[in-house]
Amino acid sequence: TVHSSQRELVNLFARRLVGVINESPMLLQSSPALHVVALLFSLGRLGCKYNPNHDASSAHRRLQLVSEIPSFEEKDLERLSSTNLILLTRALVMLDAIDHDSSILDSTLNVLERRLSTLDVSLCGLVEALGVQAKKPKRATGSDNTIDRSRHLLIETAKSMLCGQLELMPSSDLRRIIHVYATLPINEVDPFMDA
C-alpha cells in the first residue's frame, strides 16, 4: 500500500523500470531464472501488463512490457523452489501473459502438479492465482488448454489440502481460499466444500 503522496513517485519508477526492460530485451533473457521470477512478480504487483504487440517506444507509459518473457526450460523450472514457482504462476497471471503465450504458464503448472503432494508452503497465493486464471475468458491461442489445466490444478489443490493441511491452516488463509472456490462453479469445488 502506497501513501497518496508517494504514489506518483512509485508510478514514475515503475514506468522507468518497464522502459529500461523494453529497451534492453536481453536483460530478461540473460538473467538467472530466480531473478526473472522476482522481477516479473514485482512488475505484476506494480500493475504492469505483458503486451509484446504494443509499440515499444510508448509502452512504458502504459506499463506495457513488450520484451519477451523468457521461455524457461523444464530443468530451470525444476531448479526453482515451490515458493518461486508459485510466485512465477502469480506473476504470469498478474501480467496477463497467457493472453499472448500460454506455454510458460503451462510448463510451470506441469512442474507444480508433479510437486502438489509435497508442497510445504502456503497454498493461498497459488489458489488465488489459479482462481483468477480459471475465470479468465478463453481468448488466446492455446489458452483453452491452460485454463482447463488451471481448473484441474485447483481441484487437485483442494484434494491435497483435505489430506491434513486444512486443520493446520490459519483461519485467514482458509477464508482467502474459500473466497476463491466460492466464485467458481459448484461442481468444480465439491471436494473442498464438502470438507
Protein backbone atom coordinates (compact mmCIF):
# COMPACT_ATOMS: atom_id res chain seq x y z
CA THR A 1 0.00 0.00 0.00
CA VAL A 2 1.41 3.33 -1.04
CA HIS A 3 0.54 6.67 0.55
CA SER A 4 -1.06 9.06 -1.94
CA SER A 5 1.86 11.50 -1.73
CA GLN A 6 4.25 8.75 -2.85
CA ARG A 7 2.03 7.18 -5.50
CA GLU A 8 3.35 9.39 -8.31
CA LEU A 9 6.94 8.53 -7.38
CA VAL A 10 6.13 4.80 -7.44
CA ASN A 11 4.35 5.17 -10.80
CA LEU A 12 7.30 7.09 -12.23
CA PHE A 13 9.71 4.41 -11.00
CA ALA A 14 7.54 1.62 -12.44
CA ARG A 15 7.27 3.31 -15.84
CA ARG A 16 11.02 3.93 -15.96
CA LEU A 17 11.78 0.32 -14.97
CA VAL A 18 9.48 -1.02 -17.70
CA GLY A 19 11.11 1.40 -20.16
CA VAL A 20 14.60 0.10 -19.33
CA ILE A 21 13.48 -3.53 -19.71
CA ASN A 22 11.71 -2.78 -23.01
CA GLU A 23 14.81 -1.01 -24.37
CA SER A 24 17.08 -3.89 -23.33
CA PRO A 25 15.25 -7.14 -24.15
CA MET A 26 18.31 -9.24 -23.38
CA LEU A 27 18.05 -8.14 -19.75
CA LEU A 28 15.31 -10.70 -19.09
CA GLN A 29 16.77 -13.35 -21.39
CA SER A 30 20.24 -13.30 -19.82
CA SER A 31 19.22 -13.12 -16.17
CA PRO A 32 19.04 -16.17 -13.88
CA ALA A 33 15.56 -17.69 -13.57
CA LEU A 34 15.29 -16.73 -9.89
CA HIS A 35 15.92 -13.05 -10.70
CA VAL A 36 13.46 -13.10 -13.59
CA VAL A 37 10.76 -14.58 -11.34
CA ALA A 38 11.30 -11.86 -8.72
CA LEU A 39 11.26 -9.12 -11.37
CA LEU A 40 8.13 -10.43 -13.12
CA PHE A 41 6.33 -10.75 -9.79
CA SER A 42 7.29 -7.19 -8.85
CA LEU A 43 6.16 -5.87 -12.24
CA GLY A 44 2.85 -7.67 -11.83
CA ARG A 45 2.36 -6.15 -8.39
CA LEU A 46 3.05 -2.71 -9.86
CA GLY A 47 0.22 -3.21 -12.36
CA CYS A 48 2.32 -3.93 -15.44
CA LYS A 49 0.80 -6.00 -18.26
CA TYR A 50 2.59 -8.14 -20.83
CA ASN A 51 1.84 -6.92 -24.35
CA PRO A 52 4.52 -7.85 -26.90
CA ASN A 53 2.44 -6.31 -29.71
CA HIS A 54 2.46 -2.80 -28.24
CA ASP A 55 4.63 -0.04 -29.73
CA ALA A 56 7.88 -0.29 -27.76
CA SER A 57 8.57 3.45 -27.83
CA SER A 58 5.50 4.34 -25.76
CA ALA A 59 4.72 1.06 -24.00
CA HIS A 60 6.36 2.06 -20.73
CA ARG A 61 3.94 4.97 -20.31
CA ARG A 62 1.09 2.48 -20.04
CA LEU A 63 3.14 -0.04 -18.03
CA GLN A 64 3.18 -2.41 -21.01
CA LEU A 65 6.04 -4.92 -21.00
CA VAL A 66 6.95 -5.64 -24.63
CA SER A 67 10.22 -7.53 -24.04
CA GLU A 68 9.68 -11.24 -24.49
CA ILE A 69 9.26 -13.17 -21.26
CA PRO A 70 11.90 -15.89 -21.20
CA SER A 71 10.61 -19.35 -22.01
CA PHE A 72 12.06 -21.27 -19.11
CA GLU A 73 13.30 -24.75 -19.88
CA GLU A 74 11.89 -27.58 -17.81
CA LYS A 75 15.21 -28.01 -15.99
CA ASP A 76 15.20 -24.30 -14.99
CA LEU A 77 11.71 -24.66 -13.56
CA GLU A 78 12.68 -27.85 -11.72
CA ARG A 79 15.52 -25.96 -10.01
CA LEU A 80 13.16 -23.29 -8.66
CA SER A 81 11.71 -23.80 -5.20
CA SER A 82 7.97 -24.38 -4.82
CA THR A 83 7.66 -20.86 -3.40
CA ASN A 84 9.29 -19.39 -6.51
CA LEU A 85 7.13 -21.50 -8.83
CA ILE A 86 4.05 -20.13 -7.07
CA LEU A 87 5.46 -16.60 -7.43
CA LEU A 88 6.05 -17.23 -11.15
CA THR A 89 2.48 -18.50 -11.55
CA ARG A 90 1.12 -15.44 -9.76
CA ALA A 91 3.36 -13.15 -11.85
CA LEU A 92 2.21 -14.65 -15.16
CA VAL A 93 -1.43 -14.26 -14.12
CA MET A 94 -0.97 -10.66 -12.91
CA LEU A 95 0.86 -9.74 -16.14
CA ASP A 96 -1.88 -11.33 -18.29
CA ALA A 97 0.89 -13.28 -20.03
CA ILE A 98 -1.46 -16.08 -21.07
CA ASP A 99 -3.21 -13.71 -23.46
CA HIS A 100 -0.06 -13.84 -25.61
CA ASP A 101 1.74 -17.08 -24.72
CA SER A 102 0.35 -19.88 -22.58
CA SER A 103 3.40 -22.16 -22.84
CA ILE A 104 5.26 -20.63 -19.88
CA LEU A 105 2.29 -20.98 -17.54
CA ASP A 106 1.60 -24.46 -18.85
CA SER A 107 5.19 -25.58 -18.13
CA THR A 108 5.03 -24.03 -14.66
CA LEU A 109 1.74 -25.82 -13.96
CA ASN A 110 3.31 -29.12 -15.08
CA VAL A 111 6.09 -28.80 -12.51
CA LEU A 112 3.72 -27.64 -9.76
CA GLU A 113 1.34 -30.51 -10.47
CA ARG A 114 4.16 -33.02 -10.00
CA ARG A 115 5.04 -31.37 -6.67
CA LEU A 116 1.49 -30.90 -5.43
CA SER A 117 1.55 -33.70 -2.87
CA THR A 118 4.79 -32.40 -1.36
CA LEU A 119 4.08 -28.66 -1.30
CA ASP A 120 5.00 -27.37 2.13
CA VAL A 121 4.29 -23.70 1.52
CA SER A 122 1.10 -21.69 1.86
CA LEU A 123 -1.24 -22.62 -0.94
CA CYS A 124 -3.23 -19.36 -0.72
CA GLY A 125 -1.22 -17.49 -3.36
CA LEU A 126 -1.37 -20.45 -5.74
CA VAL A 127 -5.11 -20.96 -5.27
CA GLU A 128 -5.79 -17.24 -5.75
CA ALA A 129 -3.69 -17.05 -8.92
CA LEU A 130 -5.21 -20.18 -10.40
CA GLY A 131 -8.69 -18.96 -9.46
CA VAL A 132 -8.11 -15.73 -11.38
CA GLN A 133 -6.71 -17.70 -14.31
CA ALA A 134 -9.56 -20.22 -14.32
CA LYS A 135 -12.15 -17.40 -14.52
CA LYS A 136 -10.49 -15.63 -17.48
CA PRO A 137 -12.23 -15.73 -20.84
CA LYS A 138 -10.65 -18.02 -23.41
CA ARG A 139 -9.08 -15.55 -25.83
CA ALA A 140 -5.57 -16.51 -26.82
CA THR A 141 -4.48 -19.43 -28.96
CA GLY A 142 -3.67 -22.34 -26.72
CA SER A 143 -5.16 -20.70 -23.63
CA ASP A 144 -8.17 -23.05 -23.54
CA ASN A 145 -5.91 -25.92 -22.56
CA THR A 146 -4.12 -23.86 -19.91
CA ILE A 147 -7.40 -22.64 -18.39
CA ASP A 148 -8.65 -26.23 -18.23
CA ARG A 149 -5.36 -27.22 -16.57
CA SER A 150 -5.77 -24.32 -14.12
CA ARG A 151 -9.18 -25.65 -13.16
CA HIS A 152 -7.78 -29.17 -12.80
CA LEU A 153 -4.92 -27.93 -10.62
CA LEU A 154 -7.40 -26.01 -8.44
CA ILE A 155 -9.36 -29.19 -7.80
CA GLU A 156 -6.18 -31.16 -7.11
CA THR A 157 -5.06 -28.45 -4.70
CA ALA A 158 -8.35 -28.80 -2.85
CA LYS A 159 -7.89 -32.54 -2.58
CA SER A 160 -4.32 -32.07 -1.38
CA MET A 161 -5.49 -29.66 1.32
CA LEU A 162 -8.02 -32.20 2.53
CA CYS A 163 -5.15 -34.55 3.32
CA GLY A 164 -4.21 -32.97 6.64
CA GLN A 165 -3.46 -29.36 5.77
CA LEU A 166 -6.95 -28.00 6.42
CA GLU A 167 -6.82 -28.30 10.22
CA LEU A 168 -3.41 -26.62 10.38
CA MET A 169 -4.35 -23.69 8.17
CA PRO A 170 -4.85 -20.27 9.79
CA SER A 171 -8.42 -19.02 9.56
CA SER A 172 -7.34 -16.02 7.44
CA ASP A 173 -5.81 -18.38 4.83
CA LEU A 174 -8.88 -20.57 4.92
CA ARG A 175 -11.14 -17.53 4.27
CA ARG A 176 -8.98 -16.48 1.30
CA ILE A 177 -9.17 -19.96 -0.22
CA ILE A 178 -12.91 -20.34 0.38
CA HIS A 179 -13.44 -16.96 -1.31
CA VAL A 180 -11.67 -18.22 -4.46
CA TYR A 181 -13.54 -21.51 -4.58
CA ALA A 182 -16.87 -19.78 -3.89
CA THR A 183 -16.57 -17.86 -7.16
CA LEU A 184 -16.21 -20.99 -9.29
CA PRO A 185 -18.98 -23.34 -10.45
CA ILE A 186 -20.03 -25.60 -7.56
CA ASN A 187 -19.38 -28.84 -9.44
CA GLU A 188 -15.69 -27.93 -9.64
CA VAL A 189 -15.22 -27.45 -5.92
CA ASP A 190 -17.37 -30.16 -4.33
CA PRO A 191 -14.35 -31.99 -2.83
CA PHE A 192 -13.29 -28.85 -0.95
CA MET A 193 -16.70 -27.57 0.11
CA ASP A 194 -17.75 -30.98 1.47
CA ALA A 195 -14.87 -30.71 3.94
